[in-house]
C-alpha atoms as a PDB file:
ATOM      1  CA  UNK A   1     -30.088 -88.192  45.238  1.00  0.00           C
ATOM      2  CA  UNK A   2     -30.133 -91.631  44.718  1.00  0.00           C
ATOM      3  CA  UNK A   3     -27.003 -93.978  44.459  1.00  0.00           C
ATOM      4  CA  UNK A   4     -27.967 -94.721  40.602  1.00  0.00           C
ATOM      5  CA  UNK A   5     -28.232 -90.953  39.993  1.00  0.00           C
ATOM      6  CA  UNK A   6     -24.586 -89.996  40.686  1.00  0.00           C
ATOM      7  CA  UNK A   7     -22.929 -92.612  38.404  1.00  0.00           C
ATOM      8  CA  UNK A   8     -25.317 -91.231  35.562  1.00  0.00           C
ATOM      9  CA  UNK A   9     -24.382 -87.651  36.021  1.00  0.00           C
ATOM     10  CA  UNK A  10     -20.641 -88.802  35.869  1.00  0.00           C
ATOM     11  CA  UNK A  11     -20.962 -90.406  32.649  1.00  0.00           C
ATOM     12  CA  UNK A  12     -22.628 -87.361  31.157  1.00  0.00           C
ATOM     13  CA  UNK A  13     -19.834 -85.030  32.240  1.00  0.00           C
ATOM     14  CA  UNK A  14     -17.762 -83.735  29.339  1.00  0.00           C
ATOM     15  CA  UNK A  15     -13.971 -83.558  29.660  1.00  0.00           C
ATOM     16  CA  UNK A  16     -11.279 -81.727  27.759  1.00  0.00           C
ATOM     17  CA  UNK A  17     -10.877 -84.539  25.360  1.00  0.00           C
ATOM     18  CA  UNK A  18     -14.534 -84.723  24.616  1.00  0.00           C
ATOM     19  CA  UNK A  19     -14.580 -80.851  24.294  1.00  0.00           C
ATOM     20  CA  UNK A  20     -11.774 -80.775  21.656  1.00  0.00           C
ATOM     21  CA  UNK A  21     -13.218 -83.605  19.628  1.00  0.00           C
ATOM     22  CA  UNK A  22     -16.482 -81.728  19.560  1.00  0.00           C
ATOM     23  CA  UNK A  23     -14.839 -78.516  18.239  1.00  0.00           C
ATOM     24  CA  UNK A  24     -12.951 -80.505  15.712  1.00  0.00           C
ATOM     25  CA  UNK A  25     -16.149 -82.253  14.497  1.00  0.00           C
ATOM     26  CA  UNK A  26     -17.853 -78.920  14.283  1.00  0.00           C
ATOM     27  CA  UNK A  27     -15.207 -77.182  12.375  1.00  0.00           C
ATOM     28  CA  UNK A  28     -15.323 -80.220   9.740  1.00  0.00           C
ATOM     29  CA  UNK A  29     -19.036 -79.999   9.284  1.00  0.00           C
ATOM     30  CA  UNK A  30     -19.003 -76.317   8.960  1.00  0.00           C
ATOM     31  CA  UNK A  31     -15.932 -75.839   6.756  1.00  0.00           C
ATOM     32  CA  UNK A  32     -18.263 -75.367   3.815  1.00  0.00           C
ATOM     33  CA  UNK A  33     -19.259 -71.934   5.511  1.00  0.00           C
ATOM     34  CA  UNK A  34     -15.824 -71.258   7.283  1.00  0.00           C
ATOM     35  CA  UNK A  35     -13.506 -71.506   4.247  1.00  0.00           C
ATOM     36  CA  UNK A  36     -15.101 -68.410   2.350  1.00  0.00           C
ATOM     37  CA  UNK A  37     -15.160 -66.414   5.697  1.00  0.00           C
ATOM     38  CA  UNK A  38     -11.429 -66.915   6.362  1.00  0.00           C
ATOM     39  CA  UNK A  39     -10.736 -65.413   2.758  1.00  0.00           C
ATOM     40  CA  UNK A  40     -11.383 -61.987   4.676  1.00  0.00           C
ATOM     41  CA  UNK A  41      -8.029 -59.848   4.368  1.00  0.00           C
ATOM     42  CA  UNK A  42      -8.393 -59.041   8.111  1.00  0.00           C
ATOM     43  CA  UNK A  43      -9.028 -62.746   9.172  1.00  0.00           C
ATOM     44  CA  UNK A  44      -6.128 -63.733   7.212  1.00  0.00           C
ATOM     45  CA  UNK A  45      -3.937 -61.171   8.866  1.00  0.00           C
ATOM     46  CA  UNK A  46      -5.251 -62.496  12.305  1.00  0.00           C
ATOM     47  CA  UNK A  47      -4.525 -66.059  11.430  1.00  0.00           C
ATOM     48  CA  UNK A  48      -0.992 -65.335  10.232  1.00  0.00           C
ATOM     49  CA  UNK A  49      -0.150 -63.628  13.513  1.00  0.00           C
ATOM     50  CA  UNK A  50      -1.779 -66.299  15.591  1.00  0.00           C
ATOM     51  CA  UNK A  51       0.033 -69.051  14.090  1.00  0.00           C
ATOM     52  CA  UNK A  52       3.344 -67.279  14.405  1.00  0.00           C
ATOM     53  CA  UNK A  53       2.910 -66.487  18.051  1.00  0.00           C
ATOM     54  CA  UNK A  54       1.881 -70.173  18.683  1.00  0.00           C
ATOM     55  CA  UNK A  55       4.677 -71.868  16.556  1.00  0.00           C
ATOM     56  CA  UNK A  56       7.434 -69.607  18.193  1.00  0.00           C
ATOM     57  CA  UNK A  57       6.021 -70.542  21.602  1.00  0.00           C
ATOM     58  CA  UNK A  58       5.137 -74.179  21.570  1.00  0.00           C
ATOM     59  CA  UNK A  59       8.890 -75.775  21.563  1.00  0.00           C
ATOM     60  CA  UNK A  60       9.369 -73.792  24.956  1.00  0.00           C
ATOM     61  CA  UNK A  61       6.232 -74.906  26.282  1.00  0.00           C
ATOM     62  CA  UNK A  62       7.081 -78.456  25.495  1.00  0.00           C
ATOM     63  CA  UNK A  63      10.479 -78.277  26.784  1.00  0.00           C
ATOM     64  CA  UNK A  64       9.336 -76.529  29.917  1.00  0.00           C
ATOM     65  CA  UNK A  65       6.769 -79.293  30.903  1.00  0.00           C
ATOM     66  CA  UNK A  66       9.070 -81.880  30.203  1.00  0.00           C
ATOM     67  CA  UNK A  67      11.661 -80.468  32.465  1.00  0.00           C
ATOM     68  CA  UNK A  68       9.326 -79.719  35.087  1.00  0.00           C
ATOM     69  CA  UNK A  69       7.925 -83.135  35.101  1.00  0.00           C
ATOM     70  CA  UNK A  70      11.691 -84.500  35.506  1.00  0.00           C
ATOM     71  CA  UNK A  71      12.578 -82.180  38.017  1.00  0.00           C
ATOM     72  CA  UNK A  72       9.429 -82.619  40.198  1.00  0.00           C
ATOM     73  CA  UNK A  73      10.065 -86.527  40.394  1.00  0.00           C
ATOM     74  CA  UNK A  74      13.451 -85.853  41.499  1.00  0.00           C
ATOM     75  CA  UNK A  75      13.187 -83.173  43.715  1.00  0.00           C
ATOM     76  CA  UNK A  76      10.864 -83.914  46.631  1.00  0.00           C
ATOM     77  CA  UNK A  77       9.189 -81.470  48.914  1.00  0.00           C
ATOM     78  CA  UNK A  78      11.194 -82.708  51.769  1.00  0.00           C
ATOM     79  CA  UNK A  79      14.342 -81.710  49.938  1.00  0.00           C
ATOM     80  CA  UNK A  80      12.929 -78.262  49.501  1.00  0.00           C
ATOM     81  CA  UNK A  81      12.253 -78.120  53.146  1.00  0.00           C
ATOM     82  CA  UNK A  82      15.799 -78.846  53.831  1.00  0.00           C
ATOM     83  CA  UNK A  83      17.149 -76.069  51.540  1.00  0.00           C
ATOM     84  CA  UNK A  84      14.872 -73.392  53.408  1.00  0.00           C
ATOM     85  CA  UNK A  85      16.563 -71.588  56.512  1.00  0.00           C
ATOM     86  CA  UNK A  86      14.785 -71.973  59.978  1.00  0.00           C
ATOM     87  CA  UNK A  87      14.427 -68.197  60.330  1.00  0.00           C
ATOM     88  CA  UNK A  88      11.314 -67.261  58.230  1.00  0.00           C
ATOM     89  CA  UNK A  89      12.721 -63.772  57.295  1.00  0.00           C
ATOM     90  CA  UNK A  90      15.801 -65.672  55.602  1.00  0.00           C
ATOM     91  CA  UNK A  91      13.620 -68.586  54.224  1.00  0.00           C
ATOM     92  CA  UNK A  92      11.502 -66.091  51.966  1.00  0.00           C
ATOM     93  CA  UNK A  93      14.475 -65.012  49.803  1.00  0.00           C
ATOM     94  CA  UNK A  94      15.874 -68.540  49.947  1.00  0.00           C
ATOM     95  CA  UNK A  95      12.345 -69.789  48.762  1.00  0.00           C
ATOM     96  CA  UNK A  96      12.307 -67.305  45.945  1.00  0.00           C
ATOM     97  CA  UNK A  97      15.741 -68.188  44.708  1.00  0.00           C
ATOM     98  CA  UNK A  98      14.761 -72.018  44.853  1.00  0.00           C
ATOM     99  CA  UNK A  99      12.163 -71.351  42.158  1.00  0.00           C
ATOM    100  CA  UNK A 100      15.009 -71.162  39.729  1.00  0.00           C
ATOM    101  CA  UNK A 101      15.573 -74.803  40.137  1.00  0.00           C
ATOM    102  CA  UNK A 102      11.978 -75.905  39.525  1.00  0.00           C
ATOM    103  CA  UNK A 103      10.343 -74.711  36.353  1.00  0.00           C
ATOM    104  CA  UNK A 104       6.771 -75.635  35.812  1.00  0.00           C
ATOM    105  CA  UNK A 105       3.479 -74.351  35.041  1.00  0.00           C
ATOM    106  CA  UNK A 106       1.640 -71.768  37.414  1.00  0.00           C
ATOM    107  CA  UNK A 107      -0.988 -74.285  38.519  1.00  0.00           C
ATOM    108  CA  UNK A 108       1.659 -76.859  39.524  1.00  0.00           C
ATOM    109  CA  UNK A 109       3.055 -74.392  42.033  1.00  0.00           C
ATOM    110  CA  UNK A 110      -0.211 -74.222  44.007  1.00  0.00           C
ATOM    111  CA  UNK A 111      -0.324 -77.749  44.947  1.00  0.00           C
ATOM    112  CA  UNK A 112       3.343 -77.756  45.720  1.00  0.00           C
ATOM    113  CA  UNK A 113       2.992 -74.513  48.003  1.00  0.00           C
ATOM    114  CA  UNK A 114       0.129 -76.399  49.744  1.00  0.00           C
ATOM    115  CA  UNK A 115       2.069 -79.426  50.397  1.00  0.00           C
ATOM    116  CA  UNK A 116       4.751 -77.635  51.731  1.00  0.00           C
ATOM    117  CA  UNK A 117       2.620 -75.725  54.291  1.00  0.00           C
ATOM    118  CA  UNK A 118       0.996 -79.202  55.242  1.00  0.00           C
ATOM    119  CA  UNK A 119       4.636 -80.370  56.226  1.00  0.00           C
ATOM    120  CA  UNK A 120       5.162 -77.420  58.436  1.00  0.00           C
ATOM    121  CA  UNK A 121       6.854 -74.910  56.089  1.00  0.00           C
ATOM    122  CA  UNK A 122       5.799 -71.313  57.095  1.00  0.00           C
ATOM    123  CA  UNK A 123       3.033 -70.218  54.797  1.00  0.00           C
ATOM    124  CA  UNK A 124       4.964 -66.884  53.810  1.00  0.00           C
ATOM    125  CA  UNK A 125       7.837 -69.184  52.754  1.00  0.00           C
ATOM    126  CA  UNK A 126       5.737 -71.536  50.685  1.00  0.00           C
ATOM    127  CA  UNK A 127       3.634 -68.508  48.944  1.00  0.00           C
ATOM    128  CA  UNK A 128       7.216 -67.027  47.956  1.00  0.00           C
ATOM    129  CA  UNK A 129       8.121 -70.284  46.365  1.00  0.00           C
ATOM    130  CA  UNK A 130       4.658 -70.452  44.601  1.00  0.00           C
ATOM    131  CA  UNK A 131       5.118 -67.139  43.216  1.00  0.00           C
ATOM    132  CA  UNK A 132       8.841 -67.508  42.233  1.00  0.00           C
ATOM    133  CA  UNK A 133       8.864 -71.065  40.540  1.00  0.00           C
ATOM    134  CA  UNK A 134       6.869 -70.016  37.450  1.00  0.00           C
ATOM    135  CA  UNK A 135       8.560 -66.778  36.951  1.00  0.00           C
ATOM    136  CA  UNK A 136      12.540 -66.890  37.426  1.00  0.00           C
ATOM    137  CA  UNK A 137      13.136 -70.320  36.188  1.00  0.00           C
ATOM    138  CA  UNK A 138      15.831 -70.973  33.291  1.00  0.00           C
ATOM    139  CA  UNK A 139      13.161 -71.814  30.733  1.00  0.00           C
ATOM    140  CA  UNK A 140      11.232 -68.715  31.013  1.00  0.00           C
ATOM    141  CA  UNK A 141      14.390 -66.697  30.821  1.00  0.00           C
ATOM    142  CA  UNK A 142      15.605 -68.418  27.809  1.00  0.00           C
ATOM    143  CA  UNK A 143      11.950 -68.199  26.292  1.00  0.00           C
ATOM    144  CA  UNK A 144      12.172 -64.352  27.130  1.00  0.00           C
ATOM    145  CA  UNK A 145      15.556 -63.857  25.447  1.00  0.00           C
ATOM    146  CA  UNK A 146      14.435 -65.569  22.371  1.00  0.00           C
ATOM    147  CA  UNK A 147      11.323 -63.318  22.017  1.00  0.00           C
ATOM    148  CA  UNK A 148      13.479 -60.243  22.819  1.00  0.00           C
ATOM    149  CA  UNK A 149      16.725 -61.139  21.237  1.00  0.00           C
ATOM    150  CA  UNK A 150      18.132 -57.575  21.071  1.00  0.00           C
ATOM    151  CA  UNK A 151      16.859 -56.529  24.495  1.00  0.00           C
ATOM    152  CA  UNK A 152      19.134 -58.254  27.223  1.00  0.00           C
ATOM    153  CA  UNK A 153      18.200 -55.618  29.797  1.00  0.00           C
ATOM    154  CA  UNK A 154      14.554 -56.629  29.399  1.00  0.00           C
ATOM    155  CA  UNK A 155      15.170 -60.198  30.156  1.00  0.00           C
ATOM    156  CA  UNK A 156      17.053 -59.064  33.316  1.00  0.00           C
ATOM    157  CA  UNK A 157      14.347 -56.839  34.200  1.00  0.00           C
ATOM    158  CA  UNK A 158      11.883 -59.583  34.161  1.00  0.00           C
ATOM    159  CA  UNK A 159      13.809 -62.032  36.373  1.00  0.00           C
ATOM    160  CA  UNK A 160      14.644 -59.239  38.838  1.00  0.00           C
ATOM    161  CA  UNK A 161      11.032 -57.972  38.926  1.00  0.00           C
ATOM    162  CA  UNK A 162       9.478 -61.246  39.300  1.00  0.00           C
ATOM    163  CA  UNK A 163      12.071 -62.330  42.273  1.00  0.00           C
ATOM    164  CA  UNK A 164      11.263 -58.852  43.805  1.00  0.00           C
ATOM    165  CA  UNK A 165       7.517 -59.614  43.688  1.00  0.00           C
ATOM    166  CA  UNK A 166       7.766 -62.938  45.325  1.00  0.00           C
ATOM    167  CA  UNK A 167      10.138 -61.749  48.063  1.00  0.00           C
ATOM    168  CA  UNK A 168       8.058 -58.715  48.891  1.00  0.00           C
ATOM    169  CA  UNK A 169       4.881 -60.748  48.995  1.00  0.00           C
ATOM    170  CA  UNK A 170       6.563 -63.290  51.274  1.00  0.00           C
ATOM    171  CA  UNK A 171       7.735 -60.441  53.736  1.00  0.00           C
ATOM    172  CA  UNK A 172       4.394 -58.727  53.740  1.00  0.00           C
ATOM    173  CA  UNK A 173       2.741 -62.105  54.480  1.00  0.00           C
ATOM    174  CA  UNK A 174       5.179 -62.591  57.503  1.00  0.00           C
ATOM    175  CA  UNK A 175       4.319 -58.980  58.790  1.00  0.00           C
ATOM    176  CA  UNK A 176       0.473 -59.176  58.252  1.00  0.00           C
ATOM    177  CA  UNK A 177      -0.562 -62.710  56.784  1.00  0.00           C
ATOM    178  CA  UNK A 178      -1.518 -63.952  60.226  1.00  0.00           C
ATOM    179  CA  UNK A 179      -4.462 -61.656  60.114  1.00  0.00           C
ATOM    180  CA  UNK A 180      -5.809 -63.425  56.978  1.00  0.00           C
ATOM    181  CA  UNK A 181      -7.944 -66.412  57.040  1.00  0.00           C
ATOM    182  CA  UNK A 182      -6.239 -69.232  55.352  1.00  0.00           C
ATOM    183  CA  UNK A 183      -7.512 -72.798  55.181  1.00  0.00           C
ATOM    184  CA  UNK A 184      -5.023 -75.368  55.042  1.00  0.00           C
ATOM    185  CA  UNK A 185      -5.632 -77.812  52.073  1.00  0.00           C
ATOM    186  CA  UNK A 186      -6.662 -81.435  52.363  1.00  0.00           C
ATOM    187  CA  UNK A 187      -5.969 -84.095  49.827  1.00  0.00           C
ATOM    188  CA  UNK A 188      -2.979 -84.716  47.284  1.00  0.00           C
ATOM    189  CA  UNK A 189      -1.546 -82.843  44.494  1.00  0.00           C
ATOM    190  CA  UNK A 190      -3.184 -81.857  41.269  1.00  0.00           C
ATOM    191  CA  UNK A 191      -1.038 -84.109  38.748  1.00  0.00           C
ATOM    192  CA  UNK A 192      -1.004 -87.504  40.052  1.00  0.00           C
ATOM    193  CA  UNK A 193       2.106 -89.780  40.699  1.00  0.00           C
ATOM    194  CA  UNK A 194       3.149 -90.663  37.073  1.00  0.00           C
ATOM    195  CA  UNK A 195       5.690 -88.858  34.954  1.00  0.00           C
ATOM    196  CA  UNK A 196       3.388 -88.849  31.788  1.00  0.00           C
ATOM    197  CA  UNK A 197       0.506 -87.637  33.851  1.00  0.00           C
ATOM    198  CA  UNK A 198       2.423 -84.522  34.931  1.00  0.00           C
ATOM    199  CA  UNK A 199       3.562 -84.025  31.384  1.00  0.00           C
ATOM    200  CA  UNK A 200       0.023 -84.516  29.963  1.00  0.00           C
ATOM    201  CA  UNK A 201      -1.540 -82.129  32.624  1.00  0.00           C
ATOM    202  CA  UNK A 202       0.954 -79.530  32.247  1.00  0.00           C
ATOM    203  CA  UNK A 203       0.895 -79.439  28.334  1.00  0.00           C
ATOM    204  CA  UNK A 204      -2.823 -79.575  27.859  1.00  0.00           C
ATOM    205  CA  UNK A 205      -3.639 -77.000  30.405  1.00  0.00           C
ATOM    206  CA  UNK A 206      -0.838 -74.569  29.403  1.00  0.00           C
ATOM    207  CA  UNK A 207      -1.371 -75.096  25.861  1.00  0.00           C
ATOM    208  CA  UNK A 208      -5.004 -74.093  26.108  1.00  0.00           C
ATOM    209  CA  UNK A 209      -4.375 -70.715  27.721  1.00  0.00           C
ATOM    210  CA  UNK A 210      -1.340 -70.451  25.225  1.00  0.00           C
ATOM    211  CA  UNK A 211      -3.647 -70.548  22.336  1.00  0.00           C
ATOM    212  CA  UNK A 212      -6.088 -68.379  24.113  1.00  0.00           C
ATOM    213  CA  UNK A 213      -3.537 -65.738  24.807  1.00  0.00           C
ATOM    214  CA  UNK A 214      -2.226 -65.703  21.023  1.00  0.00           C
ATOM    215  CA  UNK A 215      -5.719 -65.377  19.859  1.00  0.00           C
ATOM    216  CA  UNK A 216      -6.532 -62.526  21.913  1.00  0.00           C
ATOM    217  CA  UNK A 217      -3.120 -60.779  21.144  1.00  0.00           C
ATOM    218  CA  UNK A 218      -3.781 -61.392  17.347  1.00  0.00           C
ATOM    219  CA  UNK A 219      -7.237 -59.732  17.747  1.00  0.00           C
ATOM    220  CA  UNK A 220      -5.756 -56.831  19.518  1.00  0.00           C
ATOM    221  CA  UNK A 221      -3.110 -56.299  16.933  1.00  0.00           C
ATOM    222  CA  UNK A 222      -5.610 -56.941  13.889  1.00  0.00           C
ATOM    223  CA  UNK A 223      -9.012 -55.841  14.875  1.00  0.00           C
ATOM    224  CA  UNK A 224      -8.469 -52.900  17.395  1.00  0.00           C
ATOM    225  CA  UNK A 225      -7.874 -49.599  15.495  1.00  0.00           C
ATOM    226  CA  UNK A 226      -4.509 -48.290  15.506  1.00  0.00           C
ATOM    227  CA  UNK A 227      -5.707 -45.082  16.834  1.00  0.00           C
ATOM    228  CA  UNK A 228      -7.246 -46.782  19.937  1.00  0.00           C
ATOM    229  CA  UNK A 229      -4.187 -49.000  20.544  1.00  0.00           C
ATOM    230  CA  UNK A 230      -1.817 -45.982  20.091  1.00  0.00           C
ATOM    231  CA  UNK A 231      -3.890 -43.851  22.398  1.00  0.00           C
ATOM    232  CA  UNK A 232      -3.693 -46.307  25.159  1.00  0.00           C
ATOM    233  CA  UNK A 233      -0.367 -47.428  24.726  1.00  0.00           C
ATOM    234  CA  UNK A 234       1.040 -43.950  24.259  1.00  0.00           C
ATOM    235  CA  UNK A 235      -0.093 -42.899  27.793  1.00  0.00           C
ATOM    236  CA  UNK A 236       2.391 -44.387  30.361  1.00  0.00           C
ATOM    237  CA  UNK A 237      -0.140 -45.142  33.071  1.00  0.00           C
ATOM    238  CA  UNK A 238      -3.077 -46.215  30.662  1.00  0.00           C
ATOM    239  CA  UNK A 239      -0.634 -48.765  29.120  1.00  0.00           C
ATOM    240  CA  UNK A 240       0.768 -50.316  32.033  1.00  0.00           C
ATOM    241  CA  UNK A 241      -2.829 -50.724  33.574  1.00  0.00           C
ATOM    242  CA  UNK A 242      -4.095 -52.117  30.350  1.00  0.00           C
ATOM    243  CA  UNK A 243      -1.133 -54.730  30.258  1.00  0.00           C
ATOM    244  CA  UNK A 244      -1.786 -55.806  33.918  1.00  0.00           C
ATOM    245  CA  UNK A 245      -5.313 -56.225  33.337  1.00  0.00           C
ATOM    246  CA  UNK A 246      -4.587 -58.207  30.044  1.00  0.00           C
ATOM    247  CA  UNK A 247      -2.273 -60.360  31.890  1.00  0.00           C
ATOM    248  CA  UNK A 248      -4.670 -61.160  34.644  1.00  0.00           C
ATOM    249  CA  UNK A 249      -7.292 -62.211  32.123  1.00  0.00           C
ATOM    250  CA  UNK A 250      -5.743 -63.920  29.462  1.00  0.00           C
ATOM    251  CA  UNK A 251      -3.998 -66.409  31.969  1.00  0.00           C
ATOM    252  CA  UNK A 252      -1.060 -67.408  29.961  1.00  0.00           C
ATOM    253  CA  UNK A 253       1.615 -69.818  30.622  1.00  0.00           C
ATOM    254  CA  UNK A 254       4.942 -68.192  31.903  1.00  0.00           C
ATOM    255  CA  UNK A 255       7.033 -70.213  29.258  1.00  0.00           C
ATOM    256  CA  UNK A 256       4.964 -68.660  26.364  1.00  0.00           C
ATOM    257  CA  UNK A 257       3.730 -65.224  27.360  1.00  0.00           C
ATOM    258  CA  UNK A 258       7.008 -63.258  26.307  1.00  0.00           C
ATOM    259  CA  UNK A 259       6.105 -64.285  22.636  1.00  0.00           C
ATOM    260  CA  UNK A 260       2.677 -62.398  22.862  1.00  0.00           C
ATOM    261  CA  UNK A 261       4.097 -59.547  24.607  1.00  0.00           C
ATOM    262  CA  UNK A 262       6.854 -59.100  22.043  1.00  0.00           C
ATOM    263  CA  UNK A 263       3.965 -59.070  19.414  1.00  0.00           C
ATOM    264  CA  UNK A 264       2.394 -56.048  21.318  1.00  0.00           C
ATOM    265  CA  UNK A 265       4.664 -53.595  19.479  1.00  0.00           C
ATOM    266  CA  UNK A 266       2.680 -50.489  20.350  1.00  0.00           C
ATOM    267  CA  UNK A 267       3.288 -50.798  24.182  1.00  0.00           C
ATOM    268  CA  UNK A 268       6.355 -49.620  26.077  1.00  0.00           C
ATOM    269  CA  UNK A 269       8.936 -51.826  27.257  1.00  0.00           C
ATOM    270  CA  UNK A 270       7.800 -51.243  30.908  1.00  0.00           C
ATOM    271  CA  UNK A 271       4.222 -52.044  29.966  1.00  0.00           C
ATOM    272  CA  UNK A 272       5.497 -55.203  28.422  1.00  0.00           C
ATOM    273  CA  UNK A 273       7.368 -56.036  31.448  1.00  0.00           C
ATOM    274  CA  UNK A 274       4.294 -55.641  33.596  1.00  0.00           C
ATOM    275  CA  UNK A 275       2.457 -58.189  31.297  1.00  0.00           C
ATOM    276  CA  UNK A 276       5.304 -60.689  31.843  1.00  0.00           C
ATOM    277  CA  UNK A 277       5.650 -60.037  35.732  1.00  0.00           C
ATOM    278  CA  UNK A 278       1.987 -59.880  36.556  1.00  0.00           C
ATOM    279  CA  UNK A 279       0.666 -62.965  34.366  1.00  0.00           C
ATOM    280  CA  UNK A 280       2.865 -65.580  36.104  1.00  0.00           C
ATOM    281  CA  UNK A 281       2.370 -64.233  39.696  1.00  0.00           C
ATOM    282  CA  UNK A 282      -1.546 -63.918  39.457  1.00  0.00           C
ATOM    283  CA  UNK A 283      -4.160 -64.456  36.780  1.00  0.00           C
ATOM    284  CA  UNK A 284      -7.875 -65.387  36.979  1.00  0.00           C
ATOM    285  CA  UNK A 285      -7.091 -69.186  36.712  1.00  0.00           C
ATOM    286  CA  UNK A 286      -4.437 -68.794  39.660  1.00  0.00           C
ATOM    287  CA  UNK A 287      -6.989 -66.795  41.592  1.00  0.00           C
ATOM    288  CA  UNK A 288      -9.623 -69.538  41.187  1.00  0.00           C
ATOM    289  CA  UNK A 289      -7.212 -72.269  42.264  1.00  0.00           C
ATOM    290  CA  UNK A 290      -5.928 -70.536  45.144  1.00  0.00           C
ATOM    291  CA  UNK A 291      -9.430 -69.668  46.397  1.00  0.00           C
ATOM    292  CA  UNK A 292     -10.330 -73.362  46.161  1.00  0.00           C
ATOM    293  CA  UNK A 293      -7.274 -74.401  48.013  1.00  0.00           C
ATOM    294  CA  UNK A 294      -6.682 -71.801  50.763  1.00  0.00           C
ATOM    295  CA  UNK A 295     -10.196 -70.174  50.846  1.00  0.00           C
ATOM    296  CA  UNK A 296     -12.122 -67.269  49.670  1.00  0.00           C
ATOM    297  CA  UNK A 297     -11.188 -64.889  52.371  1.00  0.00           C
ATOM    298  CA  UNK A 298      -7.292 -65.686  51.740  1.00  0.00           C
ATOM    299  CA  UNK A 299      -7.889 -64.995  47.848  1.00  0.00           C
ATOM    300  CA  UNK A 300      -9.901 -61.708  48.545  1.00  0.00           C
ATOM    301  CA  UNK A 301      -6.755 -60.514  50.247  1.00  0.00           C
ATOM    302  CA  UNK A 302      -3.795 -62.217  48.314  1.00  0.00           C
ATOM    303  CA  UNK A 303      -5.013 -61.848  44.828  1.00  0.00           C
ATOM    304  CA  UNK A 304      -5.300 -57.820  44.643  1.00  0.00           C
ATOM    305  CA  UNK A 305      -2.090 -57.420  46.799  1.00  0.00           C
ATOM    306  CA  UNK A 306      -0.021 -59.672  44.182  1.00  0.00           C
ATOM    307  CA  UNK A 307      -1.347 -57.937  41.190  1.00  0.00           C
ATOM    308  CA  UNK A 308      -0.370 -54.409  42.843  1.00  0.00           C
ATOM    309  CA  UNK A 309       3.042 -55.578  44.042  1.00  0.00           C
ATOM    310  CA  UNK A 310       3.981 -57.214  40.772  1.00  0.00           C
ATOM    311  CA  UNK A 311       2.740 -54.159  38.782  1.00  0.00           C
ATOM    312  CA  UNK A 312       4.763 -51.824  41.064  1.00  0.00           C
ATOM    313  CA  UNK A 313       7.834 -54.132  41.133  1.00  0.00           C
ATOM    314  CA  UNK A 314       7.582 -54.216  37.260  1.00  0.00           C
ATOM    315  CA  UNK A 315       7.409 -50.456  37.095  1.00  0.00           C
ATOM    316  CA  UNK A 316      10.306 -49.784  39.523  1.00  0.00           C
ATOM    317  CA  UNK A 317      12.685 -52.376  37.900  1.00  0.00           C
ATOM    318  CA  UNK A 318      11.610 -50.963  34.345  1.00  0.00           C
ATOM    319  CA  UNK A 319      12.168 -47.468  35.267  1.00  0.00           C
ATOM    320  CA  UNK A 320      15.669 -48.340  36.348  1.00  0.00           C
ATOM    321  CA  UNK A 321      16.843 -50.692  33.688  1.00  0.00           C
ATOM    322  CA  UNK A 322      14.562 -49.694  30.545  1.00  0.00           C
END
């Protein structure tokens, strides 16, 4: 490749902003045909449900990314290292509890954990923090309480099951993780150094997955026949498996997934809990990021392990509290 070809390819690359502008322009041009189609009753129901989910979730998403940016610029990786005990077995639960103090999107936890490993933190401890931070922080707990206002036990169950997932994975990685190939990352973080850069990245990234998740949840509630939904939701095992797979594929932000779970009224509380525990721990975007950061061999072991442990933890805690 010549030196003149590389800049030309970079200039032709479409970013997120260009993609959004393209969609908006396409909608404006095609509104003549879109407006009559939106008069359909089913589409109207879908749009109402979709907007309701998004409107409920966006304030918590905004607050979450702002608070995450503030804390990430005040709490350094070195400060976190000083909090973690020297003994790795004790460092794992300490790292899980440290996730309470650092709310943020799931994608932010991957470069933070990579940075901790580069600075000498035991991988199992750093991975525990990576799993706990997006799931047990106060923003997520408050958002869950708002989504399920009359079910405090469900809120508690989410916290306990998510923390249990992170700690179990950490201890399992201490026990067997040395046999798994793990590529130590090179380079810096994902967000850059500025406060506004962190806010912009977290919000744009998470908002896109929020919209996608809300749209899919509205599709499930509107277009999937009630008989099919009830047949899956009415079976304990099938409902749990379906919600675990849905959480993995939909890749929602942890500050907003409770509102989608609350909208899936046909499923049991335990199945909803599985959705809210599996999603922040492992989804398709996290699997991709972890494969790129720590290597494909790592991801092939770590991804299914987290999904299985998260599902089992949610079922265990849900069976006890719910």
